[in-house]
Amino acid sequence: MTLSSNAASSNALNTSPTFQVNTGVTLDLATGIRVNSLTKTGSGTITVAIGGYFLAPTIGTNNISLYTDNLNCGYSFVTPPIGGALFLVE
């Protein structure tokens, strides 16, 4: 994306929701949504950079911006408790 003037926001999403893994093949990691590290080019300024930003919907009886059964924040390849959350605090 190239921005030549100020903007309130700019968004990009990379998804690959279907994986065909044939017999005898092992896939070490499959992600439904992956946002790679943000990269800036040019001499302009980005005030706030966020890897994932979820606004709460307003059209449902119950509105949830992000739902997860097993949340893992800050750990690679560590299984969180079933139905719980695992956070890395430094």
N, C-alpha and C. Protein backbone atom coordinates (compact mmCIF):
# COMPACT_ATOMS: atom_id res chain seq x y z
N MET A 1 0.83 -1.17 0.00
CA MET A 1 0.00 0.00 0.00
C MET A 1 0.88 1.24 0.00
N THR A 2 0.52 2.19 -0.81
CA THR A 2 1.24 3.46 -0.85
C THR A 2 0.28 4.57 -0.48
N LEU A 3 0.62 5.34 0.52
CA LEU A 3 -0.21 6.47 0.94
C LEU A 3 0.52 7.75 0.59
N SER A 4 -0.14 8.62 -0.14
CA SER A 4 0.48 9.89 -0.52
C SER A 4 -0.11 11.06 0.24
N SER A 5 -1.08 10.78 1.11
CA SER A 5 -1.64 11.83 1.95
C SER A 5 -2.06 11.20 3.28
N ASN A 6 -2.39 12.05 4.26
CA ASN A 6 -2.80 11.56 5.57
C ASN A 6 -4.03 10.67 5.45
N ALA A 7 -4.11 9.65 6.31
CA ALA A 7 -5.25 8.75 6.31
C ALA A 7 -5.58 8.38 7.74
N ALA A 8 -6.86 8.16 8.02
CA ALA A 8 -7.27 7.75 9.35
C ALA A 8 -6.83 6.32 9.63
N SER A 9 -6.84 5.47 8.60
CA SER A 9 -6.39 4.09 8.78
C SER A 9 -6.06 3.47 7.43
N SER A 10 -5.28 2.42 7.47
CA SER A 10 -4.96 1.63 6.29
C SER A 10 -4.90 0.19 6.74
N ASN A 11 -5.54 -0.71 6.01
CA ASN A 11 -5.68 -2.09 6.48
C ASN A 11 -5.25 -3.09 5.42
N ALA A 12 -4.65 -4.20 5.87
CA ALA A 12 -4.27 -5.29 4.98
C ALA A 12 -4.54 -6.60 5.71
N LEU A 13 -4.96 -7.61 4.97
CA LEU A 13 -5.25 -8.91 5.56
C LEU A 13 -4.79 -10.01 4.62
N ASN A 14 -4.07 -10.98 5.18
CA ASN A 14 -3.59 -12.12 4.40
C ASN A 14 -4.21 -13.38 4.98
N THR A 15 -5.10 -14.05 4.21
CA THR A 15 -5.74 -15.26 4.72
C THR A 15 -5.57 -16.42 3.76
N SER A 16 -5.47 -17.60 4.32
CA SER A 16 -5.42 -18.85 3.55
C SER A 16 -6.15 -19.91 4.36
N PRO A 17 -7.46 -19.94 4.31
CA PRO A 17 -8.22 -20.77 5.23
C PRO A 17 -8.27 -22.27 4.91
N THR A 18 -7.86 -22.72 3.74
CA THR A 18 -7.96 -24.13 3.39
C THR A 18 -6.57 -24.72 3.17
N PHE A 19 -6.31 -25.83 3.84
CA PHE A 19 -5.02 -26.51 3.72
C PHE A 19 -5.29 -27.96 3.32
N GLN A 20 -4.77 -28.38 2.20
CA GLN A 20 -4.84 -29.79 1.81
C GLN A 20 -3.51 -30.42 2.14
N VAL A 21 -3.51 -31.31 3.11
CA VAL A 21 -2.28 -31.98 3.55
C VAL A 21 -2.44 -33.46 3.20
N ASN A 22 -1.70 -33.89 2.22
CA ASN A 22 -1.82 -35.26 1.72
C ASN A 22 -1.20 -36.28 2.67
N THR A 23 -1.55 -37.53 2.50
CA THR A 23 -1.04 -38.63 3.31
C THR A 23 0.49 -38.63 3.27
N GLY A 24 1.09 -38.75 4.43
CA GLY A 24 2.54 -38.79 4.53
C GLY A 24 3.19 -37.42 4.63
N VAL A 25 2.40 -36.37 4.57
CA VAL A 25 2.92 -35.00 4.65
C VAL A 25 2.58 -34.43 6.03
N THR A 26 3.53 -33.72 6.63
CA THR A 26 3.31 -33.07 7.91
C THR A 26 3.43 -31.56 7.74
N LEU A 27 2.46 -30.84 8.21
CA LEU A 27 2.48 -29.37 8.22
C LEU A 27 2.74 -28.95 9.66
N ASP A 28 3.85 -28.27 9.91
CA ASP A 28 4.21 -27.91 11.28
C ASP A 28 3.35 -26.79 11.85
N LEU A 29 2.88 -25.87 11.03
CA LEU A 29 2.10 -24.75 11.53
C LEU A 29 1.11 -24.30 10.47
N ALA A 30 -0.16 -24.22 10.82
CA ALA A 30 -1.18 -23.68 9.93
C ALA A 30 -1.90 -22.56 10.65
N THR A 31 -2.00 -21.41 10.02
CA THR A 31 -2.68 -20.28 10.63
C THR A 31 -3.82 -19.82 9.74
N GLY A 32 -4.95 -19.48 10.34
CA GLY A 32 -6.09 -18.98 9.59
C GLY A 32 -5.87 -17.53 9.18
N ILE A 33 -5.33 -16.76 10.09
CA ILE A 33 -5.00 -15.35 9.81
C ILE A 33 -3.60 -15.10 10.35
N ARG A 34 -2.74 -14.58 9.50
CA ARG A 34 -1.38 -14.22 9.92
C ARG A 34 -1.08 -12.82 9.44
N VAL A 35 -0.65 -11.98 10.33
CA VAL A 35 -0.22 -10.64 9.98
C VAL A 35 1.27 -10.56 10.23
N ASN A 36 2.04 -10.45 9.18
CA ASN A 36 3.49 -10.35 9.31
C ASN A 36 3.87 -9.01 9.91
N SER A 37 5.12 -8.88 10.29
CA SER A 37 5.61 -7.62 10.84
C SER A 37 5.31 -6.48 9.87
N LEU A 38 4.88 -5.37 10.41
CA LEU A 38 4.57 -4.21 9.59
C LEU A 38 5.87 -3.59 9.08
N THR A 39 5.86 -3.12 7.86
CA THR A 39 7.03 -2.49 7.26
C THR A 39 6.66 -1.12 6.75
N LYS A 40 7.50 -0.15 7.02
CA LYS A 40 7.26 1.21 6.55
C LYS A 40 8.35 1.60 5.57
N THR A 41 7.95 2.20 4.48
CA THR A 41 8.91 2.80 3.56
C THR A 41 8.56 4.28 3.44
N GLY A 42 9.47 5.06 2.98
CA GLY A 42 9.22 6.50 2.86
C GLY A 42 9.61 7.22 4.13
N SER A 43 9.54 8.54 4.08
CA SER A 43 10.01 9.35 5.20
C SER A 43 8.88 9.85 6.09
N GLY A 44 7.65 9.45 5.82
CA GLY A 44 6.52 9.88 6.66
C GLY A 44 6.54 9.20 8.02
N THR A 45 5.59 9.56 8.85
CA THR A 45 5.52 9.07 10.22
C THR A 45 4.26 8.25 10.43
N ILE A 46 4.41 7.13 11.10
CA ILE A 46 3.27 6.34 11.55
C ILE A 46 3.21 6.53 13.07
N THR A 47 2.13 7.09 13.56
CA THR A 47 2.02 7.39 14.98
C THR A 47 1.82 6.13 15.82
N VAL A 48 0.91 5.26 15.42
CA VAL A 48 0.64 4.03 16.15
C VAL A 48 0.62 2.88 15.16
N ALA A 49 1.34 1.79 15.45
CA ALA A 49 1.33 0.60 14.60
C ALA A 49 0.82 -0.57 15.44
N ILE A 50 -0.22 -1.24 14.96
CA ILE A 50 -0.86 -2.34 15.69
C ILE A 50 -0.95 -3.53 14.75
N GLY A 51 -0.50 -4.69 15.19
CA GLY A 51 -0.55 -5.89 14.36
C GLY A 51 -1.96 -6.38 14.11
N GLY A 52 -2.84 -6.30 15.07
CA GLY A 52 -4.23 -6.72 14.92
C GLY A 52 -5.13 -5.81 15.73
N TYR A 53 -6.13 -5.25 15.10
CA TYR A 53 -7.04 -4.31 15.76
C TYR A 53 -8.46 -4.75 15.46
N PHE A 54 -9.22 -5.06 16.47
CA PHE A 54 -10.56 -5.59 16.29
C PHE A 54 -11.58 -4.66 16.94
N LEU A 55 -12.46 -4.10 16.14
CA LEU A 55 -13.53 -3.27 16.66
C LEU A 55 -14.71 -4.16 17.03
N ALA A 56 -15.39 -3.84 18.11
CA ALA A 56 -16.56 -4.61 18.51
C ALA A 56 -17.70 -4.37 17.52
N PRO A 57 -18.34 -5.44 17.04
CA PRO A 57 -19.50 -5.25 16.18
C PRO A 57 -20.66 -4.68 16.99
N THR A 58 -21.59 -4.09 16.30
CA THR A 58 -22.74 -3.49 16.99
C THR A 58 -24.07 -4.02 16.47
N ILE A 59 -24.05 -5.04 15.63
CA ILE A 59 -25.28 -5.48 14.98
C ILE A 59 -25.94 -6.67 15.68
N GLY A 60 -25.26 -7.29 16.65
CA GLY A 60 -25.81 -8.47 17.30
C GLY A 60 -26.40 -8.18 18.66
N THR A 61 -27.12 -9.14 19.19
CA THR A 61 -27.61 -9.02 20.56
C THR A 61 -26.43 -9.04 21.53
N ASN A 62 -25.46 -9.91 21.26
CA ASN A 62 -24.20 -9.96 22.01
C ASN A 62 -23.08 -9.65 21.02
N ASN A 63 -22.29 -8.64 21.28
CA ASN A 63 -21.24 -8.20 20.37
C ASN A 63 -19.87 -8.44 20.99
N ILE A 64 -19.05 -9.22 20.31
CA ILE A 64 -17.73 -9.58 20.80
C ILE A 64 -16.73 -9.27 19.69
N SER A 65 -15.71 -8.49 20.01
CA SER A 65 -14.76 -8.11 18.97
C SER A 65 -13.80 -9.24 18.62
N LEU A 66 -13.42 -10.07 19.59
CA LEU A 66 -12.50 -11.18 19.33
C LEU A 66 -12.82 -12.29 20.32
N TYR A 67 -13.06 -13.48 19.79
CA TYR A 67 -13.37 -14.64 20.63
C TYR A 67 -12.33 -15.72 20.38
N THR A 68 -11.89 -16.36 21.44
CA THR A 68 -10.97 -17.47 21.31
C THR A 68 -11.26 -18.50 22.39
N ASP A 69 -11.18 -19.79 22.03
CA ASP A 69 -11.35 -20.85 23.02
C ASP A 69 -10.09 -21.01 23.86
N ASN A 70 -8.94 -20.95 23.22
CA ASN A 70 -7.66 -21.15 23.90
C ASN A 70 -6.71 -20.06 23.45
N LEU A 71 -6.49 -19.08 24.28
CA LEU A 71 -5.68 -17.91 23.94
C LEU A 71 -4.25 -18.11 24.42
N ASN A 72 -3.29 -17.83 23.55
CA ASN A 72 -1.88 -17.94 23.86
C ASN A 72 -1.21 -16.64 23.45
N CYS A 73 -0.72 -15.86 24.41
CA CYS A 73 -0.08 -14.57 24.12
C CYS A 73 1.36 -14.59 24.61
N GLY A 74 2.29 -14.51 23.67
CA GLY A 74 3.69 -14.39 24.04
C GLY A 74 4.48 -15.68 24.06
N TYR A 75 3.85 -16.82 23.83
CA TYR A 75 4.55 -18.09 23.81
C TYR A 75 4.46 -18.71 22.43
N SER A 76 5.51 -19.33 21.96
CA SER A 76 5.50 -20.04 20.69
C SER A 76 5.40 -21.54 20.94
N PHE A 77 4.44 -22.16 20.30
CA PHE A 77 4.28 -23.61 20.34
C PHE A 77 4.09 -24.15 21.75
N VAL A 78 3.34 -23.42 22.60
CA VAL A 78 2.98 -23.88 23.93
C VAL A 78 1.47 -23.93 23.98
N THR A 79 0.92 -25.06 24.40
CA THR A 79 -0.52 -25.21 24.45
C THR A 79 -1.06 -24.58 25.73
N PRO A 80 -2.01 -23.66 25.61
CA PRO A 80 -2.61 -23.06 26.81
C PRO A 80 -3.57 -24.05 27.46
N PRO A 81 -4.00 -23.76 28.67
CA PRO A 81 -4.98 -24.63 29.31
C PRO A 81 -6.27 -24.67 28.49
N ILE A 82 -6.97 -25.80 28.52
CA ILE A 82 -8.21 -25.94 27.76
C ILE A 82 -9.21 -24.89 28.26
N GLY A 83 -9.73 -24.11 27.32
CA GLY A 83 -10.73 -23.10 27.66
C GLY A 83 -10.16 -21.95 28.48
N GLY A 84 -8.84 -21.79 28.48
CA GLY A 84 -8.24 -20.75 29.29
C GLY A 84 -7.30 -19.88 28.50
N ALA A 85 -6.45 -19.17 29.19
CA ALA A 85 -5.53 -18.25 28.54
C ALA A 85 -4.14 -18.42 29.14
N LEU A 86 -3.12 -18.20 28.31
CA LEU A 86 -1.73 -18.27 28.73
C LEU A 86 -1.04 -16.99 28.27
N PHE A 87 -0.53 -16.18 29.20
CA PHE A 87 0.10 -14.91 28.87
C PHE A 87 1.55 -14.92 29.32
N LEU A 88 2.41 -14.37 28.50
CA LEU A 88 3.81 -14.16 28.88
C LEU A 88 3.92 -12.74 29.42
N VAL A 89 4.32 -12.61 30.69
CA VAL A 89 4.48 -11.31 31.31
C VAL A 89 5.96 -11.11 31.57
N GLU A 90 6.50 -10.04 31.01
CA GLU A 90 7.93 -9.76 31.21
C GLU A 90 8.12 -8.51 31.99
